């Protein structure tokens, strides 16, 4: 175990672990990201039939509440990021977890459209937004040289959880009813996360007398860490760089299109002559491709220029949308799902590596909070845009053409998303 001497906050449990403590934080990050499922579309959508039946609301009312709740939830994310920068991930995440559990209890008691909108706002604010933001910032606090590899591992664990969360939620609804299911999920968030935060979670290796990556403490490593903090860009400075806007808008575009496709996947396939069963089967292909891509792209992100991975991500997504537009057979449906899964794997790895390497760690919370604001907003309008275009044209093909018209320029623009600190460091540098 690589230590720099016992820190004042070292504890016997941590002292007994014979390897770098950052590897303990990896499964903690996976679990934290899995808990975001209560506020993610793939988790909330399982409850949609229950909402409509119990509250006697139309589909347009349900999707409208979801859209406005998500839009409102996007706005406070930079503030949550700034709290992380000021107080650390552990303290900020503890309050987010407590409030997320309360949000589950609140939505279990909704009685109408207004309270449902507020419930969606809370779940999206704390689950999809805040907990995703905080758990995504765990790896760069512990790893530099292996950040891409570790991010790939954590992201693949989250993708695997996406295959588990919907059936678990559905089983709880079937067994206990949707209101009791939400109560149980809120309690589950507390029971799982609060002990982890209290007993195992630490903000960074310095709190327990270790150094980044678990390497021996020496002047070279100390200088590298101090140099990274000194050259960290704040949000205002980051917004002056082309890479910030290209990467942010790419993430928002990806979020908008994926949410739009998943929200309408069954009717899309039905309109092209494929069954609900065929549509559902593509999720398995999507998840498998996403996991594989994350495991491969993680090490690549440690060695490659990240703008190339971003261009590949957006290009593959464009191809997947093109395939989806003509997917009238099972093999084409699974081809679309595989391509989209690879694109998802790439964006997940980039989300965890690009921001700390391009802009440093000192203001990482606020910078990534601003990105998540745009990303969450994008996810809110995707299904709405697709619905409006379908009502106008009577076909999903119009949406596909619009998506392709946005993705193709984005894939080209990605080549200009160069590291703004590249002139100060070589490609082989841990923060390149």
Protein backbone atom coordinates (compact mmCIF):
# COMPACT_ATOMS: atom_id res chain seq x y z
CA UNK A 1 0.00 0.00 0.00
CA UNK A 2 1.46 3.27 -1.15
CA UNK A 3 1.31 5.77 1.66
CA UNK A 4 2.91 9.10 2.26
CA UNK A 5 2.84 8.56 5.99
CA UNK A 6 -0.13 8.37 8.28
CA UNK A 7 -2.53 11.24 7.83
CA UNK A 8 -4.45 12.59 10.78
CA UNK A 9 -7.68 11.06 9.45
CA UNK A 10 -6.28 7.56 8.92
CA UNK A 11 -8.33 4.76 10.46
CA UNK A 12 -7.56 1.17 11.37
CA UNK A 13 -9.89 -0.25 8.72
CA UNK A 14 -8.20 1.72 5.95
CA UNK A 15 -4.74 0.97 7.36
CA UNK A 16 -5.41 -2.76 7.05
CA UNK A 17 -6.17 -2.60 3.32
CA UNK A 18 -3.01 -3.88 1.59
CA UNK A 19 -3.47 -1.95 -1.66
CA UNK A 20 -4.19 1.55 -2.92
CA UNK A 21 -7.46 2.82 -1.43
CA UNK A 22 -8.55 4.29 -4.75
CA UNK A 23 -9.49 0.77 -5.83
CA UNK A 24 -11.94 0.64 -2.92
CA UNK A 25 -13.53 3.80 -4.24
CA UNK A 26 -14.16 2.21 -7.64
CA UNK A 27 -17.01 -0.11 -6.49
CA UNK A 28 -18.31 2.68 -4.26
CA UNK A 29 -18.61 4.88 -7.36
CA UNK A 30 -20.37 2.07 -9.26
CA UNK A 31 -22.91 1.65 -6.45
CA UNK A 32 -23.47 5.41 -6.25
CA UNK A 33 -24.09 5.59 -9.99
CA UNK A 34 -26.48 2.64 -9.76
CA UNK A 35 -28.50 4.52 -7.15
CA UNK A 36 -29.14 7.28 -9.68
CA UNK A 37 -31.58 4.85 -11.35
CA UNK A 38 -34.47 6.15 -9.23
CA UNK A 39 -34.15 9.45 -11.12
CA UNK A 40 -33.07 8.20 -14.54
CA UNK A 41 -35.44 7.77 -17.49
CA UNK A 42 -34.91 3.99 -17.57
CA UNK A 43 -36.06 3.81 -13.94
CA UNK A 44 -38.85 6.40 -13.92
CA UNK A 45 -40.39 5.06 -17.14
CA UNK A 46 -41.29 1.79 -15.38
CA UNK A 47 -43.70 3.80 -13.21
CA UNK A 48 -45.33 5.69 -16.11
CA UNK A 49 -48.33 3.34 -16.57
CA UNK A 50 -48.99 3.54 -12.83
CA UNK A 51 -48.84 7.34 -12.89
CA UNK A 52 -51.33 7.55 -15.74
CA UNK A 53 -53.73 5.02 -14.23
CA UNK A 54 -53.62 6.27 -10.65
CA UNK A 55 -53.63 10.00 -11.36
CA UNK A 56 -55.94 9.81 -14.39
CA UNK A 57 -53.69 11.89 -16.62
CA UNK A 58 -53.03 11.72 -20.36
CA UNK A 59 -49.75 10.77 -22.01
CA UNK A 60 -49.16 14.37 -23.09
CA UNK A 61 -49.69 15.57 -19.50
CA UNK A 62 -47.28 12.92 -18.22
CA UNK A 63 -44.55 13.71 -20.75
CA UNK A 64 -45.10 17.45 -20.29
CA UNK A 65 -44.63 17.17 -16.53
CA UNK A 66 -41.52 15.08 -17.08
CA UNK A 67 -40.09 17.60 -19.55
CA UNK A 68 -40.67 20.66 -17.37
CA UNK A 69 -39.52 18.88 -14.22
CA UNK A 70 -36.31 17.86 -15.97
CA UNK A 71 -35.72 21.34 -17.39
CA UNK A 72 -36.07 22.89 -13.95
CA UNK A 73 -33.79 20.21 -12.48
CA UNK A 74 -31.04 21.17 -14.90
CA UNK A 75 -30.68 24.72 -13.61
CA UNK A 76 -29.11 24.16 -10.13
CA UNK A 77 -26.42 21.71 -11.26
CA UNK A 78 -23.56 24.27 -11.42
CA UNK A 79 -24.41 25.32 -7.85
CA UNK A 80 -24.27 21.68 -6.70
CA UNK A 81 -20.90 21.40 -8.43
CA UNK A 82 -19.65 24.48 -6.61
CA UNK A 83 -20.71 22.90 -3.30
CA UNK A 84 -18.59 19.89 -4.19
CA UNK A 85 -15.61 22.12 -4.91
CA UNK A 86 -16.08 23.88 -1.57
CA UNK A 87 -17.07 21.09 0.82
CA UNK A 88 -15.89 17.93 -0.94
CA UNK A 89 -17.78 15.06 -2.53
CA UNK A 90 -18.43 13.15 0.71
CA UNK A 91 -20.27 15.89 2.56
CA UNK A 92 -22.19 17.08 -0.50
CA UNK A 93 -23.19 13.55 -1.53
CA UNK A 94 -24.43 12.76 1.97
CA UNK A 95 -26.97 15.57 1.77
CA UNK A 96 -27.91 14.62 -1.79
CA UNK A 97 -28.55 11.01 -0.73
CA UNK A 98 -30.70 12.09 2.22
CA UNK A 99 -32.75 14.39 -0.01
CA UNK A 100 -33.02 11.78 -2.79
CA UNK A 101 -34.55 9.34 -0.34
CA UNK A 102 -37.02 12.01 0.74
CA UNK A 103 -37.82 12.71 -2.93
CA UNK A 104 -38.79 9.05 -3.36
CA UNK A 105 -41.07 9.33 -0.33
CA UNK A 106 -42.58 12.52 -1.73
CA UNK A 107 -43.40 11.10 -5.15
CA UNK A 108 -45.03 8.09 -3.48
CA UNK A 109 -47.65 10.53 -2.12
CA UNK A 110 -48.40 12.61 -5.24
CA UNK A 111 -52.09 13.14 -5.95
CA UNK A 112 -52.17 15.20 -9.14
CA UNK A 113 -50.28 16.71 -12.03
CA UNK A 114 -48.70 19.59 -10.11
CA UNK A 115 -47.33 17.41 -7.34
CA UNK A 116 -46.14 14.89 -9.96
CA UNK A 117 -44.21 17.66 -11.73
CA UNK A 118 -42.58 18.59 -8.42
CA UNK A 119 -41.77 14.93 -7.81
CA UNK A 120 -40.15 14.62 -11.24
CA UNK A 121 -38.17 17.80 -10.53
CA UNK A 122 -36.80 16.38 -7.28
CA UNK A 123 -35.93 12.96 -8.72
CA UNK A 124 -34.22 14.45 -11.75
CA UNK A 125 -32.44 17.15 -9.72
CA UNK A 126 -31.03 14.75 -7.14
CA UNK A 127 -30.84 11.44 -9.03
CA UNK A 128 -30.06 12.05 -12.67
CA UNK A 129 -28.33 15.34 -11.89
CA UNK A 130 -26.60 15.71 -8.53
CA UNK A 131 -25.77 12.08 -7.68
CA UNK A 132 -24.56 11.44 -11.24
CA UNK A 133 -22.40 14.56 -11.09
CA UNK A 134 -20.84 13.67 -7.75
CA UNK A 135 -20.26 9.98 -8.42
CA UNK A 136 -18.79 10.83 -11.82
CA UNK A 137 -16.23 13.08 -10.12
CA UNK A 138 -14.92 10.34 -7.82
CA UNK A 139 -12.39 8.77 -10.26
CA UNK A 140 -10.39 11.94 -11.06
CA UNK A 141 -9.93 12.60 -7.36
CA UNK A 142 -8.04 9.29 -7.01
CA UNK A 143 -6.50 8.54 -10.41
CA UNK A 144 -4.53 10.45 -13.03
CA UNK A 145 -2.47 8.01 -15.10
CA UNK A 146 -5.18 5.34 -15.15
CA UNK A 147 -8.17 7.68 -15.17
CA UNK A 148 -9.50 6.43 -18.50
CA UNK A 149 -9.22 2.77 -17.51
CA UNK A 150 -10.92 3.35 -14.16
CA UNK A 151 -13.67 5.45 -15.75
CA UNK A 152 -14.31 2.64 -18.23
CA UNK A 153 -14.65 0.13 -15.38
CA UNK A 154 -17.06 2.33 -13.45
CA UNK A 155 -19.12 3.19 -16.52
CA UNK A 156 -19.42 -0.46 -17.51
CA UNK A 157 -20.71 -1.22 -14.02
CA UNK A 158 -23.35 1.46 -14.43
CA UNK A 159 -24.36 0.05 -17.81
CA UNK A 160 -24.77 -3.36 -16.23
CA UNK A 161 -27.01 -1.84 -13.56
CA UNK A 162 -29.25 -0.46 -16.31
CA UNK A 163 -30.15 -4.04 -17.20
CA UNK A 164 -31.06 -4.78 -13.58
CA UNK A 165 -32.89 -1.66 -12.41
CA UNK A 166 -36.05 -1.78 -14.61
CA UNK A 167 -36.98 -5.40 -13.81
CA UNK A 168 -36.31 -4.84 -10.10
CA UNK A 169 -38.51 -1.75 -10.08
CA UNK A 170 -41.21 -3.62 -11.99
CA UNK A 171 -41.08 -6.51 -9.51
CA UNK A 172 -41.49 -4.09 -6.58
CA UNK A 173 -44.50 -2.48 -8.26
CA UNK A 174 -46.10 -5.85 -8.96
CA UNK A 175 -45.55 -7.03 -5.40
CA UNK A 176 -46.25 -3.92 -3.33
CA UNK A 177 -47.88 -1.35 -5.63
CA UNK A 178 -46.19 1.71 -7.11
CA UNK A 179 -46.52 3.95 -4.05
CA UNK A 180 -45.00 1.43 -1.66
CA UNK A 181 -42.34 0.63 -4.26
CA UNK A 182 -41.15 4.23 -4.18
CA UNK A 183 -41.07 4.20 -0.39
CA UNK A 184 -38.94 1.06 -0.46
CA UNK A 185 -36.60 2.59 -3.05
CA UNK A 186 -36.13 5.69 -0.93
CA UNK A 187 -35.25 3.60 2.10
CA UNK A 188 -32.97 1.44 -0.05
CA UNK A 189 -31.03 4.51 -1.20
CA UNK A 190 -30.45 5.44 2.46
CA UNK A 191 -29.60 1.92 3.63
CA UNK A 192 -27.04 1.36 0.89
CA UNK A 193 -25.44 4.78 0.48
CA UNK A 194 -25.30 6.30 3.96
CA UNK A 195 -23.17 3.51 5.50
CA UNK A 196 -20.83 3.62 2.50
CA UNK A 197 -20.42 7.37 2.87
CA UNK A 198 -19.91 7.12 6.62
CA UNK A 199 -17.55 4.17 6.74
CA UNK A 200 -15.69 3.87 3.44
CA UNK A 201 -15.95 7.07 1.43
CA UNK A 202 -13.05 9.52 1.41
CA UNK A 203 -12.68 12.59 -0.78
CA UNK A 204 -9.11 12.05 -1.95
CA UNK A 205 -5.96 10.08 -1.08
CA UNK A 206 -4.48 12.95 0.88
CA UNK A 207 -7.13 12.49 3.58
CA UNK A 208 -5.70 9.07 4.46
CA UNK A 209 -2.02 9.77 3.93
CA UNK A 210 -1.80 8.33 0.41
CA UNK A 211 -0.90 9.91 -2.92
CA UNK A 212 -2.64 10.01 -6.31
CA UNK A 213 -2.57 6.66 -8.17
CA UNK A 214 -0.98 5.04 -5.12
CA UNK A 215 2.53 5.89 -6.33
CA UNK A 216 5.31 6.57 -3.83
CA UNK A 217 5.42 10.12 -2.58
CA UNK A 218 8.26 11.98 -4.27
CA UNK A 219 9.08 15.44 -5.50
CA UNK A 220 8.17 14.64 -9.11
CA UNK A 221 4.68 13.42 -8.24
CA UNK A 222 4.08 16.29 -5.81
CA UNK A 223 5.14 18.77 -8.46
CA UNK A 224 2.82 17.17 -11.02
CA UNK A 225 -0.16 17.39 -8.68
CA UNK A 226 0.58 20.97 -7.64
CA UNK A 227 1.12 21.90 -11.28
CA UNK A 228 -2.25 20.43 -12.21
CA UNK A 229 -4.02 22.43 -9.49
CA UNK A 230 -2.14 25.62 -10.39
CA UNK A 231 -3.11 25.33 -14.04
CA UNK A 232 -6.74 24.38 -13.39
CA UNK A 233 -9.18 26.57 -15.28
CA UNK A 234 -12.29 27.96 -13.63
CA UNK A 235 -15.69 27.92 -15.35
CA UNK A 236 -15.31 31.39 -16.84
CA UNK A 237 -11.93 30.48 -18.32
CA UNK A 238 -13.19 27.12 -19.56
CA UNK A 239 -16.03 28.80 -21.44
CA UNK A 240 -13.48 30.78 -23.44
CA UNK A 241 -12.11 27.59 -25.02
CA UNK A 242 -13.65 25.92 -28.11
CA UNK A 243 -13.29 22.49 -26.51
CA UNK A 244 -15.72 23.37 -23.71
CA UNK A 245 -18.53 24.28 -26.09
CA UNK A 246 -17.90 21.46 -28.55
CA UNK A 247 -17.79 18.81 -25.82
CA UNK A 248 -20.74 20.30 -23.90
CA UNK A 249 -23.01 20.56 -26.94
CA UNK A 250 -21.97 17.07 -28.07
CA UNK A 251 -22.96 15.66 -24.67
CA UNK A 252 -26.28 17.52 -24.79
CA UNK A 253 -26.97 16.34 -28.33
CA UNK A 254 -26.18 12.75 -27.40
CA UNK A 255 -28.46 12.97 -24.35
CA UNK A 256 -31.31 14.52 -26.35
CA UNK A 257 -31.24 11.91 -29.11
CA UNK A 258 -30.78 8.83 -26.92
CA UNK A 259 -33.63 9.89 -24.63
CA UNK A 260 -35.87 10.61 -27.63
CA UNK A 261 -35.13 7.21 -29.17
CA UNK A 262 -35.58 5.21 -25.97
CA UNK A 263 -38.76 7.04 -25.03
CA UNK A 264 -40.30 6.14 -28.41
CA UNK A 265 -38.46 2.90 -29.24
CA UNK A 266 -41.46 0.57 -29.23
CA UNK A 267 -43.65 2.71 -31.52
CA UNK A 268 -40.63 3.37 -33.77
CA UNK A 269 -40.09 -0.35 -34.30
CA UNK A 270 -43.83 -0.98 -34.57
CA UNK A 271 -44.06 1.59 -37.39
CA UNK A 272 -41.33 -0.32 -39.22
CA UNK A 273 -43.00 -3.71 -38.87
CA UNK A 274 -41.14 -5.04 -35.82
CA UNK A 275 -42.72 -6.32 -32.62
CA UNK A 276 -42.42 -5.07 -29.04
CA UNK A 277 -40.39 -8.19 -28.27
CA UNK A 278 -37.89 -7.36 -30.99
CA UNK A 279 -37.58 -3.83 -29.63
CA UNK A 280 -37.06 -5.03 -26.07
CA UNK A 281 -34.38 -7.49 -27.19
CA UNK A 282 -32.25 -4.68 -28.59
CA UNK A 283 -31.65 -3.33 -25.08
CA UNK A 284 -29.53 -6.39 -24.31
CA UNK A 285 -27.42 -5.80 -27.41
CA UNK A 286 -27.15 -2.12 -26.52
CA UNK A 287 -26.00 -2.84 -22.95
CA UNK A 288 -23.47 -5.49 -24.02
CA UNK A 289 -21.97 -3.22 -26.70
CA UNK A 290 -21.83 -0.32 -24.25
CA UNK A 291 -20.00 -2.35 -21.60
CA UNK A 292 -17.50 -3.72 -24.12
CA UNK A 293 -16.84 -0.26 -25.53
CA UNK A 294 -16.23 1.22 -22.08
CA UNK A 295 -13.74 -1.48 -21.15
CA UNK A 296 -11.84 -0.94 -24.41
CA UNK A 297 -12.15 2.85 -24.62
CA UNK A 298 -11.00 3.37 -21.02
CA UNK A 299 -7.37 2.38 -21.68
CA UNK A 300 -7.52 4.16 -25.06
CA UNK A 301 -8.46 7.39 -23.27
CA UNK A 302 -5.23 7.10 -21.27
CA UNK A 303 -3.15 7.05 -24.46
CA UNK A 304 -5.14 8.77 -27.23
CA UNK A 305 -6.17 12.32 -27.97
CA UNK A 306 -9.67 12.64 -26.60
CA UNK A 307 -11.01 14.69 -29.50
CA UNK A 308 -10.61 11.61 -31.71
CA UNK A 309 -12.74 9.54 -29.35
CA UNK A 310 -15.35 12.31 -29.30
CA UNK A 311 -15.45 12.40 -33.11
CA UNK A 312 -15.84 8.62 -33.18
CA UNK A 313 -18.64 8.79 -30.63
CA UNK A 314 -20.69 11.30 -32.59
CA UNK A 315 -19.95 9.62 -35.92
CA UNK A 316 -21.04 6.21 -34.67
CA UNK A 317 -24.20 7.72 -33.25
CA UNK A 318 -25.00 9.23 -36.64
CA UNK A 319 -24.55 5.83 -38.28
CA UNK A 320 -26.74 4.17 -35.64
CA UNK A 321 -29.56 6.68 -36.28
CA UNK A 322 -29.23 6.04 -40.01
CA UNK A 323 -29.51 2.28 -39.46
CA UNK A 324 -32.48 2.77 -37.12
CA UNK A 325 -34.30 4.73 -39.83
CA UNK A 326 -34.27 1.65 -42.11
CA UNK A 327 -34.42 -1.05 -39.40
CA UNK A 328 -37.19 -3.27 -40.78
CA UNK A 329 -35.52 -6.54 -39.82
CA UNK A 330 -34.19 -8.05 -36.61
CA UNK A 331 -30.55 -7.97 -37.70
CA UNK A 332 -30.76 -4.28 -38.60
CA UNK A 333 -32.42 -3.56 -35.24
CA UNK A 334 -29.55 -5.21 -33.39
CA UNK A 335 -27.01 -3.47 -35.62
CA UNK A 336 -28.50 -0.12 -34.61
CA UNK A 337 -28.41 -1.13 -30.94
CA UNK A 338 -24.79 -2.28 -31.12
CA UNK A 339 -23.62 0.94 -32.79
CA UNK A 340 -25.54 3.10 -30.32
CA UNK A 341 -24.12 1.05 -27.44
CA UNK A 342 -20.56 1.67 -28.63
CA UNK A 343 -21.29 5.39 -28.93
CA UNK A 344 -22.69 5.35 -25.40
CA UNK A 345 -19.58 3.61 -24.11
CA UNK A 346 -17.38 6.27 -25.66
CA UNK A 347 -19.39 9.21 -24.30
CA UNK A 348 -19.37 7.67 -20.82
CA UNK A 349 -15.58 7.35 -20.81
CA UNK A 350 -15.15 10.85 -22.23
CA UNK A 351 -17.48 12.32 -19.62
CA UNK A 352 -15.21 11.03 -16.86
CA UNK A 353 -11.86 11.84 -18.43
CA UNK A 354 -12.10 14.88 -20.70
CA UNK A 355 -13.11 17.47 -18.12
CA UNK A 356 -10.40 16.84 -15.48
CA UNK A 357 -7.70 16.44 -18.14
CA UNK A 358 -8.67 19.53 -20.09
CA UNK A 359 -9.50 21.83 -17.18
CA UNK A 360 -7.96 20.35 -14.02
CA UNK A 361 -9.53 19.31 -10.73
CA UNK A 362 -9.71 22.51 -8.71
CA UNK A 363 -13.01 23.71 -10.24
CA UNK A 364 -14.16 20.37 -11.61
CA UNK A 365 -17.49 20.32 -9.76
CA UNK A 366 -18.70 23.64 -11.10
CA UNK A 367 -17.48 22.96 -14.63
CA UNK A 368 -19.11 19.54 -14.84
CA UNK A 369 -22.20 20.93 -13.16
CA UNK A 370 -22.56 23.42 -16.01
CA UNK A 371 -22.19 20.58 -18.52
CA UNK A 372 -24.81 18.45 -16.79
CA UNK A 373 -27.19 21.43 -16.84
CA UNK A 374 -27.10 21.44 -20.63
CA UNK A 375 -27.11 17.65 -20.81
CA UNK A 376 -30.16 17.26 -18.57
CA UNK A 377 -31.94 20.00 -20.50
CA UNK A 378 -31.21 18.14 -23.72
CA UNK A 379 -32.68 14.94 -22.33
CA UNK A 380 -35.87 16.79 -21.42
CA UNK A 381 -36.61 18.16 -24.88
CA UNK A 382 -35.69 15.11 -26.95
CA UNK A 383 -38.96 13.18 -26.54
CA UNK A 384 -40.97 16.38 -26.92
CA UNK A 385 -39.30 17.30 -30.21
CA UNK A 386 -39.85 13.80 -31.57
CA UNK A 387 -43.52 13.91 -30.55
CA UNK A 388 -44.11 17.28 -32.20
CA UNK A 389 -42.42 16.17 -35.43
CA UNK A 390 -44.43 12.94 -35.44
CA UNK A 391 -47.70 14.82 -35.00
CA UNK A 392 -46.71 17.17 -37.80
CA UNK A 393 -45.46 14.60 -40.32
CA UNK A 394 -47.08 11.35 -39.19
CA UNK A 395 -43.69 9.62 -39.24
CA UNK A 396 -40.55 9.22 -37.14
CA UNK A 397 -38.40 9.60 -40.25
CA UNK A 398 -38.52 13.40 -39.92
CA UNK A 399 -36.87 13.14 -36.51
CA UNK A 400 -34.19 10.85 -37.89
CA UNK A 401 -33.29 13.37 -40.59
CA UNK A 402 -33.15 16.19 -38.04
CA UNK A 403 -30.89 14.09 -35.78
CA UNK A 404 -28.56 13.25 -38.66
CA UNK A 405 -28.44 16.92 -39.63
CA UNK A 406 -27.16 17.72 -36.13
CA UNK A 407 -24.86 14.72 -35.60
CA UNK A 408 -22.82 14.91 -38.81
CA UNK A 409 -21.55 18.48 -38.20
CA UNK A 410 -20.97 17.61 -34.54
CA UNK A 411 -18.76 14.65 -35.49
CA UNK A 412 -16.62 16.95 -37.66
CA UNK A 413 -16.48 19.75 -35.08
CA UNK A 414 -15.19 17.26 -32.49
CA UNK A 415 -11.75 17.31 -34.13
CA UNK A 416 -11.38 20.91 -32.92
CA UNK A 417 -12.06 19.95 -29.29
CA UNK A 418 -8.36 20.00 -28.46
CA UNK A 419 -6.93 20.11 -24.95
CA UNK A 420 -6.58 23.83 -24.04
CA UNK A 421 -3.60 22.94 -21.85
CA UNK A 422 -1.87 20.85 -24.54
CA UNK A 423 0.66 23.56 -25.29
CA UNK A 424 1.91 23.21 -21.74
CA UNK A 425 2.26 19.43 -21.64
CA UNK A 426 3.01 16.50 -23.90
CA UNK A 427 0.49 13.88 -24.96
CA UNK A 428 2.05 11.35 -22.63
CA UNK A 429 1.41 13.55 -19.62
CA UNK A 430 -1.26 12.19 -17.21
CA UNK A 431 -3.42 15.23 -17.89
CA UNK A 432 -3.03 15.30 -21.67
